[in-house]
Amino acid sequence: MPTLLVVGAGLFGSQAAAYARLRGVPTLVFDPGLPMAASPAAAGLFKEEWASKKLRPHFHRAVALLERLYGIRSVELRHGDGRAESFLCVPPTAILEAQPIRQAVTTVGDGWLEAAGQRHEGWIYVAAGIWSQSFLPSLQVHGRAGTSLIFFGERPGRITEIAHGRQAIAFVRDPGTTFFSDGTAERDFGPAHEHQTRERAVELGLSEEPLVRIHGCRPYTPGGPVF
């Protein structure tokens, strides 16, 4: 059986690798550990309403697989008016590949790739985010950056609407800490955006200095996602 060669150890690459191994497919995951990876900054929240009717069957199959691979928990966030909203959650820390091969992939072909001057052959799955442009420029991938914040202690889950389809959220993503994100994704992310994110965290009661700032750069392509 050919080996599955996964390029990128973020959420998509790690899940592909986990599923392939579940099916008995030998798998190698390449990721050089470059800065600004988007996956560690992700909240890990999702809900059925976010999937269109056309994608609902895929959503249900994906939920069953996520439950089998990692387990899914429920998270309840409260709006300022006291209304509760429920989400499903799989934290990125439960998904991300623990020990990928720390080599940058430099070339990808039909059934092969090169990393650290060595050629590997097998099935190829590219999930390298913004770094895909270095070896597959035809994808026209560009990045939009933002920051998530990690605070000490476990606080009640909260949510506030910022714009249509975008919220500021605070909840216990990982034990002992509170995760905050406002969904910022800007091509020209700068200090003003960072300050605004910090102010939104204060509005949700997170006024102290965060333990960690996670800067991430989400991948985008013209016309929407590429699968």
C-alpha atoms as a PDB file:
ATOM      1  CA  MET A   1       0.000   0.000   0.000  1.00  0.00           C
ATOM      2  CA  PRO A   2       1.359   3.488  -0.842  1.00  0.00           C
ATOM      3  CA  THR A   3       2.241   5.810   2.019  1.00  0.00           C
ATOM      4  CA  LEU A   4       0.091   8.900   2.553  1.00  0.00           C
ATOM      5  CA  LEU A   5       2.376  11.948   2.569  1.00  0.00           C
ATOM      6  CA  VAL A   6       0.696  14.830   4.384  1.00  0.00           C
ATOM      7  CA  VAL A   7       2.119  18.325   3.947  1.00  0.00           C
ATOM      8  CA  GLY A   8       1.200  20.404   6.990  1.00  0.00           C
ATOM      9  CA  ALA A   9       0.498  19.364  10.580  1.00  0.00           C
ATOM     10  CA  GLY A  10      -2.343  21.786  11.233  1.00  0.00           C
ATOM     11  CA  LEU A  11      -5.946  20.813  11.892  1.00  0.00           C
ATOM     12  CA  PHE A  12      -6.687  19.503   8.388  1.00  0.00           C
ATOM     13  CA  GLY A  13      -3.416  17.662   7.895  1.00  0.00           C
ATOM     14  CA  SER A  14      -3.487  16.137  11.368  1.00  0.00           C
ATOM     15  CA  GLN A  15      -7.063  14.892  10.975  1.00  0.00           C
ATOM     16  CA  ALA A  16      -6.259  13.393   7.574  1.00  0.00           C
ATOM     17  CA  ALA A  17      -3.291  11.579   9.077  1.00  0.00           C
ATOM     18  CA  ALA A  18      -5.311  10.295  12.029  1.00  0.00           C
ATOM     19  CA  TYR A  19      -8.066   8.993   9.774  1.00  0.00           C
ATOM     20  CA  ALA A  20      -5.608   7.341   7.379  1.00  0.00           C
ATOM     21  CA  ARG A  21      -3.898   5.534  10.250  1.00  0.00           C
ATOM     22  CA  LEU A  22      -7.289   4.449  11.553  1.00  0.00           C
ATOM     23  CA  ARG A  23      -7.842   2.792   8.167  1.00  0.00           C
ATOM     24  CA  GLY A  24      -4.413   1.152   8.261  1.00  0.00           C
ATOM     25  CA  VAL A  25      -2.732   3.487   5.774  1.00  0.00           C
ATOM     26  CA  PRO A  26       0.948   4.204   6.558  1.00  0.00           C
ATOM     27  CA  THR A  27       1.278   7.969   6.919  1.00  0.00           C
ATOM     28  CA  LEU A  28       4.047  10.570   7.187  1.00  0.00           C
ATOM     29  CA  VAL A  29       3.346  14.190   8.131  1.00  0.00           C
ATOM     30  CA  PHE A  30       5.784  16.953   7.145  1.00  0.00           C
ATOM     31  CA  ASP A  31       5.749  20.298   8.932  1.00  0.00           C
ATOM     32  CA  PRO A  32       8.780  22.543   9.586  1.00  0.00           C
ATOM     33  CA  GLY A  33       7.076  24.341  12.486  1.00  0.00           C
ATOM     34  CA  LEU A  34       7.075  27.801  10.935  1.00  0.00           C
ATOM     35  CA  PRO A  35       5.695  30.805  12.873  1.00  0.00           C
ATOM     36  CA  MET A  36       2.166  32.190  12.328  1.00  0.00           C
ATOM     37  CA  ALA A  37       0.502  28.772  12.003  1.00  0.00           C
ATOM     38  CA  ALA A  38      -3.257  29.305  12.146  1.00  0.00           C
ATOM     39  CA  SER A  39      -4.378  26.062  13.807  1.00  0.00           C
ATOM     40  CA  PRO A  40      -3.055  26.685  17.370  1.00  0.00           C
ATOM     41  CA  ALA A  41      -5.029  29.956  17.399  1.00  0.00           C
ATOM     42  CA  ALA A  42      -8.318  28.250  16.470  1.00  0.00           C
ATOM     43  CA  ALA A  43     -11.106  27.970  19.014  1.00  0.00           C
ATOM     44  CA  GLY A  44     -12.173  24.488  17.933  1.00  0.00           C
ATOM     45  CA  LEU A  45     -15.882  25.385  18.128  1.00  0.00           C
ATOM     46  CA  PHE A  46     -18.467  24.365  15.536  1.00  0.00           C
ATOM     47  CA  LYS A  47     -22.200  23.736  15.159  1.00  0.00           C
ATOM     48  CA  GLU A  48     -24.533  22.179  12.630  1.00  0.00           C
ATOM     49  CA  GLU A  49     -26.145  25.506  11.721  1.00  0.00           C
ATOM     50  CA  TRP A  50     -22.866  26.641  10.138  1.00  0.00           C
ATOM     51  CA  ALA A  51     -23.104  23.923   7.486  1.00  0.00           C
ATOM     52  CA  SER A  52     -25.349  24.561   4.488  1.00  0.00           C
ATOM     53  CA  LYS A  53     -28.140  22.089   3.722  1.00  0.00           C
ATOM     54  CA  LYS A  54     -26.015  20.689   0.903  1.00  0.00           C
ATOM     55  CA  LEU A  55     -23.175  19.968   3.332  1.00  0.00           C
ATOM     56  CA  ARG A  56     -25.263  18.619   6.244  1.00  0.00           C
ATOM     57  CA  PRO A  57     -24.697  14.929   5.313  1.00  0.00           C
ATOM     58  CA  HIS A  58     -20.939  15.571   5.269  1.00  0.00           C
ATOM     59  CA  PHE A  59     -21.223  17.378   8.603  1.00  0.00           C
ATOM     60  CA  HIS A  60     -22.915  14.405  10.254  1.00  0.00           C
ATOM     61  CA  ARG A  61     -20.305  11.986   8.953  1.00  0.00           C
ATOM     62  CA  ALA A  62     -17.540  14.324  10.115  1.00  0.00           C
ATOM     63  CA  VAL A  63     -19.007  14.610  13.615  1.00  0.00           C
ATOM     64  CA  ALA A  64     -19.158  10.838  13.952  1.00  0.00           C
ATOM     65  CA  LEU A  65     -15.518  10.569  12.903  1.00  0.00           C
ATOM     66  CA  LEU A  66     -14.378  13.383  15.209  1.00  0.00           C
ATOM     67  CA  GLU A  67     -16.117  11.671  18.100  1.00  0.00           C
ATOM     68  CA  ARG A  68     -14.371   8.408  17.280  1.00  0.00           C
ATOM     69  CA  LEU A  69     -10.936   9.973  16.874  1.00  0.00           C
ATOM     70  CA  TYR A  70     -10.884  12.586  19.634  1.00  0.00           C
ATOM     71  CA  GLY A  71     -14.186  12.841  21.479  1.00  0.00           C
ATOM     72  CA  ILE A  72     -16.443  15.895  21.235  1.00  0.00           C
ATOM     73  CA  ARG A  73     -17.563  18.009  24.165  1.00  0.00           C
ATOM     74  CA  SER A  74     -20.313  20.598  24.461  1.00  0.00           C
ATOM     75  CA  VAL A  75     -19.590  24.220  25.330  1.00  0.00           C
ATOM     76  CA  GLU A  76     -22.188  26.755  26.450  1.00  0.00           C
ATOM     77  CA  LEU A  77     -21.491  30.451  25.939  1.00  0.00           C
ATOM     78  CA  ARG A  78     -23.705  33.235  27.304  1.00  0.00           C
ATOM     79  CA  HIS A  79     -24.588  36.471  25.566  1.00  0.00           C
ATOM     80  CA  GLY A  80     -24.781  39.760  27.440  1.00  0.00           C
ATOM     81  CA  ASP A  81     -28.559  39.412  27.754  1.00  0.00           C
ATOM     82  CA  GLY A  82     -28.162  36.050  29.510  1.00  0.00           C
ATOM     83  CA  ARG A  83     -29.157  33.971  26.502  1.00  0.00           C
ATOM     84  CA  ALA A  84     -27.146  30.748  26.208  1.00  0.00           C
ATOM     85  CA  GLU A  85     -25.737  29.401  22.944  1.00  0.00           C
ATOM     86  CA  SER A  86     -24.384  25.862  22.622  1.00  0.00           C
ATOM     87  CA  PHE A  87     -21.446  24.712  20.517  1.00  0.00           C
ATOM     88  CA  LEU A  88     -19.561  21.501  19.879  1.00  0.00           C
ATOM     89  CA  CYS A  89     -15.833  21.594  20.588  1.00  0.00           C
ATOM     90  CA  VAL A  90     -12.680  19.666  19.785  1.00  0.00           C
ATOM     91  CA  PRO A  91      -9.650  21.647  21.022  1.00  0.00           C
ATOM     92  CA  PRO A  92      -6.752  21.913  18.563  1.00  0.00           C
ATOM     93  CA  THR A  93      -4.481  20.471  21.265  1.00  0.00           C
ATOM     94  CA  ALA A  94      -6.379  17.181  20.919  1.00  0.00           C
ATOM     95  CA  ILE A  95      -5.961  17.090  17.133  1.00  0.00           C
ATOM     96  CA  LEU A  96      -2.560  18.485  16.157  1.00  0.00           C
ATOM     97  CA  GLU A  97       0.061  15.931  15.120  1.00  0.00           C
ATOM     98  CA  ALA A  98       2.386  15.437  18.086  1.00  0.00           C
ATOM     99  CA  GLN A  99       5.605  14.585  16.237  1.00  0.00           C
ATOM    100  CA  PRO A 100       5.583  15.563  12.571  1.00  0.00           C
ATOM    101  CA  ILE A 101       8.722  15.337  10.470  1.00  0.00           C
ATOM    102  CA  ARG A 102      10.283  18.774  10.966  1.00  0.00           C
ATOM    103  CA  GLN A 103      11.266  19.326   7.340  1.00  0.00           C
ATOM    104  CA  ALA A 104      10.019  21.878   4.834  1.00  0.00           C
ATOM    105  CA  VAL A 105       8.524  20.413   1.664  1.00  0.00           C
ATOM    106  CA  THR A 106      10.107  22.200  -1.299  1.00  0.00           C
ATOM    107  CA  THR A 107       8.494  20.476  -4.295  1.00  0.00           C
ATOM    108  CA  VAL A 108       5.269  18.510  -4.832  1.00  0.00           C
ATOM    109  CA  GLY A 109       4.509  16.375  -7.879  1.00  0.00           C
ATOM    110  CA  ASP A 110       2.077  13.674  -8.991  1.00  0.00           C
ATOM    111  CA  GLY A 111       2.679  10.969  -6.389  1.00  0.00           C
ATOM    112  CA  TRP A 112       5.866  12.399  -4.893  1.00  0.00           C
ATOM    113  CA  LEU A 113       7.338  15.238  -2.883  1.00  0.00           C
ATOM    114  CA  GLU A 114      10.781  16.480  -1.903  1.00  0.00           C
ATOM    115  CA  ALA A 115      11.813  17.517   1.598  1.00  0.00           C
ATOM    116  CA  ALA A 116      15.325  18.215   2.891  1.00  0.00           C
ATOM    117  CA  GLY A 117      16.724  17.120  -0.471  1.00  0.00           C
ATOM    118  CA  GLN A 118      15.074  13.690  -0.306  1.00  0.00           C
ATOM    119  CA  ARG A 119      12.322  12.379  -2.580  1.00  0.00           C
ATOM    120  CA  HIS A 120       9.337  10.535  -1.059  1.00  0.00           C
ATOM    121  CA  GLU A 121       6.721   8.686  -3.098  1.00  0.00           C
ATOM    122  CA  GLY A 122       3.095   7.986  -2.206  1.00  0.00           C
ATOM    123  CA  TRP A 123      -0.318   9.613  -2.069  1.00  0.00           C
ATOM    124  CA  ILE A 124      -0.062  13.377  -1.515  1.00  0.00           C
ATOM    125  CA  TYR A 125      -2.348  15.469   0.706  1.00  0.00           C
ATOM    126  CA  VAL A 126      -1.467  19.169   0.849  1.00  0.00           C
ATOM    127  CA  ALA A 127      -2.717  21.040   3.927  1.00  0.00           C
ATOM    128  CA  ALA A 128       0.086  23.539   4.392  1.00  0.00           C
ATOM    129  CA  GLY A 129      -1.995  26.701   4.604  1.00  0.00           C
ATOM    130  CA  ILE A 130      -0.222  29.900   3.607  1.00  0.00           C
ATOM    131  CA  TRP A 131       3.038  28.021   2.962  1.00  0.00           C
ATOM    132  CA  SER A 132       1.461  26.138   0.066  1.00  0.00           C
ATOM    133  CA  GLN A 133       2.342  29.100  -2.133  1.00  0.00           C
ATOM    134  CA  SER A 134       6.062  28.278  -1.826  1.00  0.00           C
ATOM    135  CA  PHE A 135       5.672  25.017  -3.762  1.00  0.00           C
ATOM    136  CA  LEU A 136       2.201  25.363  -5.363  1.00  0.00           C
ATOM    137  CA  PRO A 137       1.921  29.029  -6.398  1.00  0.00           C
ATOM    138  CA  SER A 138      -0.969  28.188  -8.735  1.00  0.00           C
ATOM    139  CA  LEU A 139      -3.251  27.962  -5.673  1.00  0.00           C
ATOM    140  CA  GLN A 140      -2.804  31.719  -5.120  1.00  0.00           C
ATOM    141  CA  VAL A 141      -2.982  31.295  -1.353  1.00  0.00           C
ATOM    142  CA  HIS A 142      -2.742  34.429   0.756  1.00  0.00           C
ATOM    143  CA  GLY A 143      -2.877  34.913   4.498  1.00  0.00           C
ATOM    144  CA  ARG A 144      -5.037  36.972   6.851  1.00  0.00           C
ATOM    145  CA  ALA A 145      -3.690  37.339  10.358  1.00  0.00           C
ATOM    146  CA  GLY A 146      -5.180  37.643  13.819  1.00  0.00           C
ATOM    147  CA  THR A 147      -4.415  36.954  17.459  1.00  0.00           C
ATOM    148  CA  SER A 148      -5.968  34.685  20.072  1.00  0.00           C
ATOM    149  CA  LEU A 149      -5.263  35.197  23.768  1.00  0.00           C
ATOM    150  CA  ILE A 150      -4.857  32.693  26.590  1.00  0.00           C
ATOM    151  CA  PHE A 151      -5.595  33.777  30.177  1.00  0.00           C
ATOM    152  CA  PHE A 152      -4.887  32.027  33.458  1.00  0.00           C
ATOM    153  CA  GLY A 153      -7.850  30.403  35.203  1.00  0.00           C
ATOM    154  CA  GLU A 154     -11.161  28.955  34.053  1.00  0.00           C
ATOM    155  CA  ARG A 155     -13.891  31.553  33.446  1.00  0.00           C
ATOM    156  CA  PRO A 156     -17.548  31.130  32.466  1.00  0.00           C
ATOM    157  CA  GLY A 157     -18.096  30.980  28.719  1.00  0.00           C
ATOM    158  CA  ARG A 158     -19.143  34.265  27.104  1.00  0.00           C
ATOM    159  CA  ILE A 159     -19.943  35.482  23.605  1.00  0.00           C
ATOM    160  CA  THR A 160     -20.742  38.835  22.015  1.00  0.00           C
ATOM    161  CA  GLU A 161     -21.687  39.686  18.440  1.00  0.00           C
ATOM    162  CA  ILE A 162     -19.230  41.883  16.524  1.00  0.00           C
ATOM    163  CA  ALA A 163     -20.646  41.666  12.999  1.00  0.00           C
ATOM    164  CA  HIS A 164     -22.717  39.244  10.954  1.00  0.00           C
ATOM    165  CA  GLY A 165     -21.076  35.835  11.293  1.00  0.00           C
ATOM    166  CA  ARG A 166     -18.367  37.104  13.638  1.00  0.00           C
ATOM    167  CA  GLN A 167     -18.212  37.019  17.441  1.00  0.00           C
ATOM    168  CA  ALA A 168     -15.854  37.609  20.320  1.00  0.00           C
ATOM    169  CA  ILE A 169     -15.721  34.500  22.514  1.00  0.00           C
ATOM    170  CA  ALA A 170     -14.166  33.492  25.811  1.00  0.00           C
ATOM    171  CA  PHE A 171     -14.322  29.946  27.202  1.00  0.00           C
ATOM    172  CA  VAL A 172     -12.275  27.127  28.691  1.00  0.00           C
ATOM    173  CA  ARG A 173     -10.699  25.557  25.622  1.00  0.00           C
ATOM    174  CA  ASP A 174      -7.930  23.819  27.585  1.00  0.00           C
ATOM    175  CA  PRO A 175      -7.894  22.938  31.314  1.00  0.00           C
ATOM    176  CA  GLY A 176      -6.737  25.678  33.679  1.00  0.00           C
ATOM    177  CA  THR A 177      -6.990  28.515  31.163  1.00  0.00           C
ATOM    178  CA  THR A 178      -9.512  30.690  29.329  1.00  0.00           C
ATOM    179  CA  PHE A 179      -9.255  31.120  25.574  1.00  0.00           C
ATOM    180  CA  PHE A 180     -10.279  34.362  23.842  1.00  0.00           C
ATOM    181  CA  SER A 181     -10.713  35.154  20.145  1.00  0.00           C
ATOM    182  CA  ASP A 182     -12.509  37.875  18.205  1.00  0.00           C
ATOM    183  CA  GLY A 183     -12.137  36.271  14.777  1.00  0.00           C
ATOM    184  CA  THR A 184      -9.872  38.985  13.379  1.00  0.00           C
ATOM    185  CA  ALA A 185      -8.417  38.058   9.965  1.00  0.00           C
ATOM    186  CA  GLU A 186      -6.623  40.932   8.236  1.00  0.00           C
ATOM    187  CA  ARG A 187      -4.145  40.950   5.355  1.00  0.00           C
ATOM    188  CA  ASP A 188      -2.419  43.966   6.917  1.00  0.00           C
ATOM    189  CA  PHE A 189      -2.655  43.028  10.588  1.00  0.00           C
ATOM    190  CA  GLY A 190      -0.911  45.592  12.786  1.00  0.00           C
ATOM    191  CA  PRO A 191      -0.729  47.109  16.282  1.00  0.00           C
ATOM    192  CA  ALA A 192      -4.144  48.754  15.930  1.00  0.00           C
ATOM    193  CA  HIS A 193      -5.790  45.364  15.316  1.00  0.00           C
ATOM    194  CA  GLU A 194      -3.854  43.860  18.230  1.00  0.00           C
ATOM    195  CA  HIS A 195      -5.048  46.675  20.511  1.00  0.00           C
ATOM    196  CA  GLN A 196      -8.644  46.231  19.382  1.00  0.00           C
ATOM    197  CA  THR A 197      -8.505  42.491  20.100  1.00  0.00           C
ATOM    198  CA  ARG A 198      -7.161  43.227  23.573  1.00  0.00           C
ATOM    199  CA  GLU A 199      -9.944  45.739  24.239  1.00  0.00           C
ATOM    200  CA  ARG A 200     -12.585  43.202  23.233  1.00  0.00           C
ATOM    201  CA  ALA A 201     -11.116  40.729  25.704  1.00  0.00           C
ATOM    202  CA  VAL A 202     -11.408  43.358  28.439  1.00  0.00           C
ATOM    203  CA  GLU A 203     -15.081  43.835  27.526  1.00  0.00           C
ATOM    204  CA  LEU A 204     -15.619  40.140  28.284  1.00  0.00           C
ATOM    205  CA  GLY A 205     -13.998  40.507  31.714  1.00  0.00           C
ATOM    206  CA  LEU A 206     -10.452  39.464  30.776  1.00  0.00           C
ATOM    207  CA  SER A 207      -8.676  42.601  31.981  1.00  0.00           C
ATOM    208  CA  GLU A 208      -5.397  41.079  33.192  1.00  0.00           C
ATOM    209  CA  GLU A 209      -2.345  40.449  31.038  1.00  0.00           C
ATOM    210  CA  PRO A 210      -2.714  37.251  28.949  1.00  0.00           C
ATOM    211  CA  LEU A 211      -0.410  34.315  29.553  1.00  0.00           C
ATOM    212  CA  VAL A 212       0.069  33.734  25.833  1.00  0.00           C
ATOM    213  CA  ARG A 213      -0.636  35.552  22.587  1.00  0.00           C
ATOM    214  CA  ILE A 214      -1.086  33.188  19.645  1.00  0.00           C
ATOM    215  CA  HIS A 215      -0.573  34.942  16.312  1.00  0.00           C
ATOM    216  CA  GLY A 216      -2.021  32.973  13.419  1.00  0.00           C
ATOM    217  CA  CYS A 217      -2.390  33.540   9.671  1.00  0.00           C
ATOM    218  CA  ARG A 218      -5.405  31.889   8.039  1.00  0.00           C
ATOM    219  CA  PRO A 219      -5.110  30.749   4.403  1.00  0.00           C
ATOM    220  CA  TYR A 220      -7.479  32.140   1.786  1.00  0.00           C
ATOM    221  CA  THR A 221      -7.778  31.545  -1.966  1.00  0.00           C
ATOM    222  CA  PRO A 222      -9.643  33.503  -4.661  1.00  0.00           C
ATOM    223  CA  GLY A 223     -13.256  32.364  -4.863  1.00  0.00           C
ATOM    224  CA  GLY A 224     -13.222  30.471  -1.584  1.00  0.00           C
ATOM    225  CA  PRO A 225     -11.689  27.282  -0.122  1.00  0.00           C
ATOM    226  CA  VAL A 226      -9.883  24.769  -2.307  1.00  0.00           C
ATOM    227  CA  PHE A 227     -10.431  21.061  -1.610  1.00  0.00           C
END
